[in-house]
N, C-alpha and C. Protein backbone atom coordinates (compact mmCIF):
# COMPACT_ATOMS: atom_id res chain seq x y z
N GLY A 1 10.48 13.61 15.96
CA GLY A 1 9.74 14.73 14.93
C GLY A 1 10.50 14.44 13.61
N GLY A 2 9.94 15.42 12.83
CA GLY A 2 10.27 15.53 11.66
C GLY A 2 11.41 16.41 11.21
N GLN A 3 11.88 16.09 10.16
CA GLN A 3 13.09 16.87 9.60
C GLN A 3 12.17 18.51 9.22
N PRO A 4 13.07 19.63 9.76
CA PRO A 4 12.31 21.09 9.13
C PRO A 4 12.68 21.04 7.68
N ILE A 5 11.78 21.77 6.82
CA ILE A 5 11.76 22.08 5.35
C ILE A 5 12.66 23.47 5.44
N ALA A 6 13.57 23.29 4.68
CA ALA A 6 14.73 24.08 4.73
C ALA A 6 14.44 25.20 4.15
N THR A 7 13.67 25.03 2.66
CA THR A 7 13.23 26.84 1.93
C THR A 7 11.92 26.60 1.10
N SER A 8 11.74 27.50 0.89
CA SER A 8 10.17 27.12 0.06
C SER A 8 9.90 28.77 -0.92
N PRO A 9 10.58 28.79 -1.82
CA PRO A 9 10.57 30.09 -2.27
C PRO A 9 9.34 30.16 -2.92
N ALA A 10 8.77 29.38 -3.44
CA ALA A 10 7.64 29.59 -4.33
C ALA A 10 6.37 30.27 -3.05
N VAL A 11 6.39 29.38 -2.06
CA VAL A 11 5.29 30.12 -0.95
C VAL A 11 5.55 31.33 -0.28
N GLY A 12 6.92 31.10 -0.40
CA GLY A 12 7.79 32.46 0.85
C GLY A 12 7.78 31.91 2.38
N VAL A 13 6.93 31.37 2.92
CA VAL A 13 7.24 31.76 4.51
C VAL A 13 6.30 30.17 4.98
N PHE A 14 6.91 29.08 5.49
CA PHE A 14 6.23 28.01 6.21
C PHE A 14 6.16 28.56 7.99
N LEU A 15 4.97 28.89 8.44
CA LEU A 15 5.11 29.25 10.16
C LEU A 15 6.06 27.74 10.66
N SER A 16 5.35 26.54 10.31
CA SER A 16 5.76 25.62 10.92
C SER A 16 5.80 24.52 10.04
N SER A 17 6.86 23.35 9.90
CA SER A 17 6.81 22.47 8.98
C SER A 17 7.74 21.32 9.38
N SER A 18 7.25 20.07 9.11
CA SER A 18 7.81 19.08 9.24
C SER A 18 7.86 17.99 8.15
N LEU A 19 8.96 17.05 7.84
CA LEU A 19 8.50 16.07 7.06
C LEU A 19 8.99 14.73 7.73
N ASP A 20 8.04 13.75 8.19
CA ASP A 20 8.33 12.63 8.85
C ASP A 20 8.03 11.10 7.90
N PHE A 21 9.11 10.47 7.91
CA PHE A 21 9.51 9.56 7.43
C PHE A 21 9.24 8.16 8.15
N SER A 22 8.50 7.26 7.32
CA SER A 22 8.04 6.13 7.73
C SER A 22 9.10 4.93 8.18
N ARG A 23 10.37 5.07 7.45
CA ARG A 23 11.06 4.01 8.05
C ARG A 23 12.78 4.81 7.36
N ARG A 24 13.62 4.95 7.81
CA ARG A 24 14.85 5.45 6.97
C ARG A 24 15.70 4.14 6.66
N VAL A 25 15.40 3.22 5.58
CA VAL A 25 16.44 2.52 5.32
C VAL A 25 16.64 2.67 3.81
N ALA A 26 17.76 2.61 3.26
CA ALA A 26 18.24 2.89 1.77
C ALA A 26 17.46 2.06 1.09
N ALA A 27 16.88 2.38 -0.15
CA ALA A 27 16.40 1.34 -1.21
C ALA A 27 15.32 0.69 -0.59
N ALA A 28 14.43 1.32 0.35
CA ALA A 28 13.22 0.47 0.85
C ALA A 28 12.19 1.58 0.73
N ALA A 29 10.73 1.17 0.13
CA ALA A 29 9.77 2.01 0.56
C ALA A 29 9.45 2.90 1.52
N VAL A 30 8.98 3.80 1.19
CA VAL A 30 9.17 4.90 2.75
C VAL A 30 7.77 5.51 2.58
N GLY A 31 6.88 5.93 4.00
CA GLY A 31 5.99 6.82 3.77
C GLY A 31 6.85 8.17 3.65
N ILE A 32 6.08 9.35 3.74
CA ILE A 32 6.21 10.61 4.30
C ILE A 32 4.77 11.50 4.36
N THR A 33 5.17 12.02 5.55
CA THR A 33 4.13 12.53 6.46
C THR A 33 4.71 14.28 5.89
N ALA A 34 3.88 15.21 5.19
CA ALA A 34 4.09 16.61 5.38
C ALA A 34 3.34 17.07 6.45
N ASN A 35 3.76 17.83 7.08
CA ASN A 35 3.19 18.85 7.93
C ASN A 35 3.29 20.25 7.90
N PHE A 36 2.36 21.45 7.61
CA PHE A 36 3.18 22.71 7.40
C PHE A 36 1.81 23.55 7.75
N THR A 37 2.20 24.88 7.94
CA THR A 37 1.39 25.88 8.27
C THR A 37 1.89 27.03 7.27
N LEU A 38 1.05 27.66 6.68
CA LEU A 38 1.37 28.49 5.45
C LEU A 38 1.55 29.92 6.07
N GLY A 39 2.68 30.68 5.41
CA GLY A 39 2.54 32.12 5.95
C GLY A 39 1.82 32.94 5.10
N ARG A 40 1.17 32.48 4.06
CA ARG A 40 0.42 33.22 2.84
C ARG A 40 -0.57 32.16 2.61
N ASN A 41 -1.66 32.76 1.95
CA ASN A 41 -3.04 31.85 1.40
C ASN A 41 -2.06 31.06 0.02
N LEU A 42 -2.93 29.88 -0.07
CA LEU A 42 -2.46 29.07 -1.19
C LEU A 42 -3.91 29.06 -1.95
N THR A 43 -3.94 29.20 -2.95
CA THR A 43 -5.12 29.10 -3.99
C THR A 43 -5.02 28.11 -4.91
N LEU A 44 -6.26 27.47 -5.60
CA LEU A 44 -6.56 26.79 -6.54
C LEU A 44 -5.02 26.45 -7.76
N HIS A 45 -4.79 25.37 -7.74
CA HIS A 45 -3.69 25.37 -8.46
C HIS A 45 -2.17 25.84 -8.29
N GLU A 46 -1.97 26.39 -6.90
CA GLU A 46 -0.89 26.46 -6.74
C GLU A 46 -0.15 25.35 -5.90
N THR A 47 1.56 25.40 -6.28
CA THR A 47 1.96 24.14 -5.83
C THR A 47 2.94 24.30 -4.57
N ILE A 48 3.16 23.21 -4.15
CA ILE A 48 4.20 23.44 -3.11
C ILE A 48 5.29 21.95 -3.57
N THR A 49 6.50 22.12 -3.57
CA THR A 49 7.47 21.30 -4.38
C THR A 49 8.41 21.06 -3.09
N PHE A 50 8.81 19.73 -2.74
CA PHE A 50 9.50 19.26 -1.96
C PHE A 50 10.61 18.26 -2.40
N THR A 51 11.70 19.04 -2.60
CA THR A 51 13.13 18.44 -3.13
C THR A 51 13.52 17.03 -2.16
N LEU A 52 13.66 16.06 -2.89
CA LEU A 52 13.92 14.85 -2.29
C LEU A 52 15.46 13.99 -2.51
N PRO A 53 16.29 14.65 -2.46
CA PRO A 53 17.73 14.01 -2.98
C PRO A 53 17.81 12.97 -2.55
N GLY A 54 18.16 11.73 -3.46
CA GLY A 54 18.51 10.43 -2.84
C GLY A 54 17.19 9.26 -3.33
N PHE A 55 16.00 9.94 -3.48
CA PHE A 55 14.78 9.17 -3.37
C PHE A 55 14.87 8.49 -4.89
N ALA A 56 13.82 7.39 -4.86
CA ALA A 56 13.57 7.38 -6.23
C ALA A 56 12.40 6.42 -6.54
N ALA A 57 11.86 6.08 -7.79
CA ALA A 57 10.88 4.97 -7.79
C ALA A 57 11.17 3.83 -8.39
N PRO A 58 10.24 2.96 -8.67
CA PRO A 58 10.69 1.83 -9.28
C PRO A 58 10.85 2.07 -10.92
N THR A 59 11.72 1.38 -11.35
CA THR A 59 12.42 1.64 -12.76
C THR A 59 11.24 1.81 -13.94
N SER A 60 10.21 0.76 -13.73
CA SER A 60 9.21 0.89 -14.77
C SER A 60 8.27 2.27 -14.44
N SER A 61 8.72 3.16 -13.56
CA SER A 61 7.21 4.16 -12.99
C SER A 61 7.46 5.20 -14.00
N PRO A 62 6.16 5.68 -14.78
CA PRO A 62 5.92 7.07 -15.47
C PRO A 62 6.93 8.06 -14.91
N ASP A 63 7.04 9.27 -15.52
CA ASP A 63 7.40 10.56 -15.26
C ASP A 63 7.20 11.92 -15.48
N PRO A 64 6.00 12.38 -14.81
CA PRO A 64 6.22 11.69 -13.26
C PRO A 64 4.89 11.23 -12.82
N LEU A 65 5.22 10.58 -11.91
CA LEU A 65 4.61 9.33 -10.88
C LEU A 65 3.63 10.19 -10.28
N PRO A 66 2.21 9.84 -10.73
CA PRO A 66 1.02 10.33 -9.95
C PRO A 66 0.97 9.20 -8.49
N LEU A 67 0.36 10.31 -7.14
CA LEU A 67 0.43 9.49 -6.43
C LEU A 67 -0.77 9.68 -5.48
N GLU A 68 -1.15 8.74 -5.05
CA GLU A 68 -2.27 8.95 -3.97
C GLU A 68 -1.97 8.94 -2.31
N LEU A 69 -2.96 10.24 -1.95
CA LEU A 69 -2.17 10.67 -0.97
C LEU A 69 -3.25 9.97 0.44
N GLU A 70 -2.77 10.32 1.61
CA GLU A 70 -3.97 9.98 2.53
C GLU A 70 -3.95 11.20 3.91
N GLY A 71 -4.66 10.79 4.81
CA GLY A 71 -4.09 12.07 5.71
C GLY A 71 -5.24 13.06 5.68
N ALA A 72 -5.61 13.78 6.71
CA ALA A 72 -6.40 14.94 7.24
C ALA A 72 -6.91 15.75 6.09
N ASP A 73 -5.66 16.23 5.38
CA ASP A 73 -5.72 17.22 4.18
C ASP A 73 -5.61 16.75 2.91
N ALA A 74 -5.86 15.67 2.61
CA ALA A 74 -5.35 14.46 1.16
C ALA A 74 -6.33 15.14 0.14
N SER A 75 -7.70 15.27 0.47
CA SER A 75 -8.42 15.34 -0.24
C SER A 75 -8.34 16.71 -1.26
N LEU A 76 -7.59 17.77 -0.27
CA LEU A 76 -7.13 19.06 -1.31
C LEU A 76 -6.18 19.27 -1.97
N PHE A 77 -5.36 17.69 -2.11
CA PHE A 77 -4.44 18.18 -3.18
C PHE A 77 -4.38 17.10 -4.12
N SER A 78 -3.73 17.32 -5.24
CA SER A 78 -3.09 15.88 -6.12
C SER A 78 -1.73 16.15 -5.91
N ALA A 79 -1.22 15.07 -6.28
CA ALA A 79 0.57 14.93 -5.96
C ALA A 79 1.03 14.24 -6.98
N GLU A 80 2.33 14.42 -7.20
CA GLU A 80 3.13 13.93 -7.91
C GLU A 80 4.31 13.39 -7.53
N PHE A 81 5.33 12.83 -8.27
CA PHE A 81 6.93 12.62 -8.01
C PHE A 81 7.46 12.70 -9.04
N SER A 82 8.35 13.64 -9.34
CA SER A 82 9.28 13.29 -10.42
C SER A 82 10.54 12.62 -10.44
N VAL A 83 10.32 11.68 -10.77
CA VAL A 83 11.69 10.38 -10.87
C VAL A 83 12.54 11.24 -11.22
N SER A 84 12.94 11.71 -12.56
CA SER A 84 14.29 12.68 -13.04
C SER A 84 14.64 13.94 -11.69
N GLY A 85 13.40 14.32 -11.65
CA GLY A 85 14.13 15.57 -10.53
C GLY A 85 14.18 15.54 -9.34
N THR A 86 13.65 14.16 -8.46
CA THR A 86 13.27 13.80 -7.19
C THR A 86 12.99 14.68 -6.52
N THR A 87 11.58 15.47 -7.00
CA THR A 87 10.96 16.11 -6.41
C THR A 87 9.23 15.56 -5.89
N LEU A 88 9.19 15.88 -4.80
CA LEU A 88 7.54 15.78 -4.68
C LEU A 88 6.87 17.13 -4.69
N THR A 89 5.60 16.77 -5.66
CA THR A 89 4.80 17.85 -5.84
C THR A 89 3.36 17.94 -5.13
N LEU A 90 2.93 19.00 -4.59
CA LEU A 90 1.48 18.67 -4.36
C LEU A 90 0.81 19.97 -5.06
N ASN A 91 -0.31 19.56 -5.63
CA ASN A 91 -0.89 20.72 -6.46
C ASN A 91 -2.08 21.00 -5.61
N LEU A 92 -2.50 22.29 -5.02
CA LEU A 92 -4.02 22.76 -4.44
C LEU A 92 -5.13 22.41 -5.20
N THR A 93 -6.00 21.40 -5.21
CA THR A 93 -7.13 20.71 -6.11
C THR A 93 -8.68 21.44 -5.39
N GLY A 94 -8.23 21.70 -4.08
CA GLY A 94 -9.24 21.94 -2.94
C GLY A 94 -9.56 23.25 -2.87
N ALA A 95 -10.47 23.47 -1.70
CA ALA A 95 -10.69 25.12 -1.18
C ALA A 95 -9.23 25.71 -0.88
N GLY A 96 -9.21 26.93 -1.01
CA GLY A 96 -7.75 27.66 -0.87
C GLY A 96 -7.50 27.33 0.76
N ILE A 97 -5.99 27.38 1.16
CA ILE A 97 -5.75 27.49 2.28
C ILE A 97 -5.28 28.82 2.66
N GLN A 98 -6.05 29.49 4.04
CA GLN A 98 -5.37 30.90 4.29
C GLN A 98 -4.17 30.51 5.74
N PRO A 99 -3.15 31.66 5.43
CA PRO A 99 -2.05 31.56 6.27
C PRO A 99 -2.46 31.48 7.81
N GLY A 100 -1.89 30.75 8.34
CA GLY A 100 -1.64 30.93 9.91
C GLY A 100 -3.11 29.57 10.30
N GLU A 101 -3.63 29.01 9.36
CA GLU A 101 -4.93 27.82 9.83
C GLU A 101 -3.89 26.69 10.46
N THR A 102 -5.12 25.96 10.92
CA THR A 102 -4.95 24.94 11.50
C THR A 102 -3.47 24.36 10.45
N PRO A 103 -2.61 23.53 11.07
CA PRO A 103 -1.35 23.00 10.22
C PRO A 103 -2.03 21.79 9.26
N VAL A 104 -1.82 22.01 8.10
CA VAL A 104 -2.18 21.27 6.84
C VAL A 104 -1.28 20.05 7.17
N SER A 105 -1.85 18.72 6.89
CA SER A 105 -1.26 17.23 7.01
C SER A 105 -1.17 16.58 6.10
N VAL A 106 -0.75 15.97 4.87
CA VAL A 106 -1.07 14.99 3.99
C VAL A 106 0.39 13.92 4.14
N VAL A 107 -0.42 12.80 3.51
CA VAL A 107 0.61 11.33 3.61
C VAL A 107 0.88 10.87 2.51
N VAL A 108 1.94 10.40 2.11
CA VAL A 108 2.30 9.62 0.68
C VAL A 108 2.42 8.35 1.52
N PRO A 109 1.78 7.00 1.49
CA PRO A 109 1.87 6.16 1.88
C PRO A 109 2.75 5.25 1.20
N SER A 110 3.79 4.06 1.90
CA SER A 110 4.72 3.93 1.31
C SER A 110 4.48 2.96 0.20
N SER A 111 3.07 2.83 -0.03
CA SER A 111 2.53 1.65 -1.04
C SER A 111 2.54 2.49 -2.22
N ALA A 112 2.22 3.70 -2.29
CA ALA A 112 2.24 4.74 -3.33
C ALA A 112 2.98 4.53 -4.29
């Protein structure tokens, strides 16, 4: 299973959450799968930010680095990685998400 998401001050509450990593090797490309169920609604252009200490992008990457998502709910979000802040931000660009709905699942492939 994945690691629990520790805090979420902007959203308030995750009813359930996990982050899974495709591999756990330092300095290697890694895919990230985020699964979560919200405790309150999320509306257009609201964001969810994951802090990923120790993560990096290739040195020539723009900051922020736009990412292509995969997974069941990829079409609902745009994503970017802040190279300087080591954060992954999901921006809701699709339909709103209601609290307690089926868990949301997005994947940042290791090739992103």
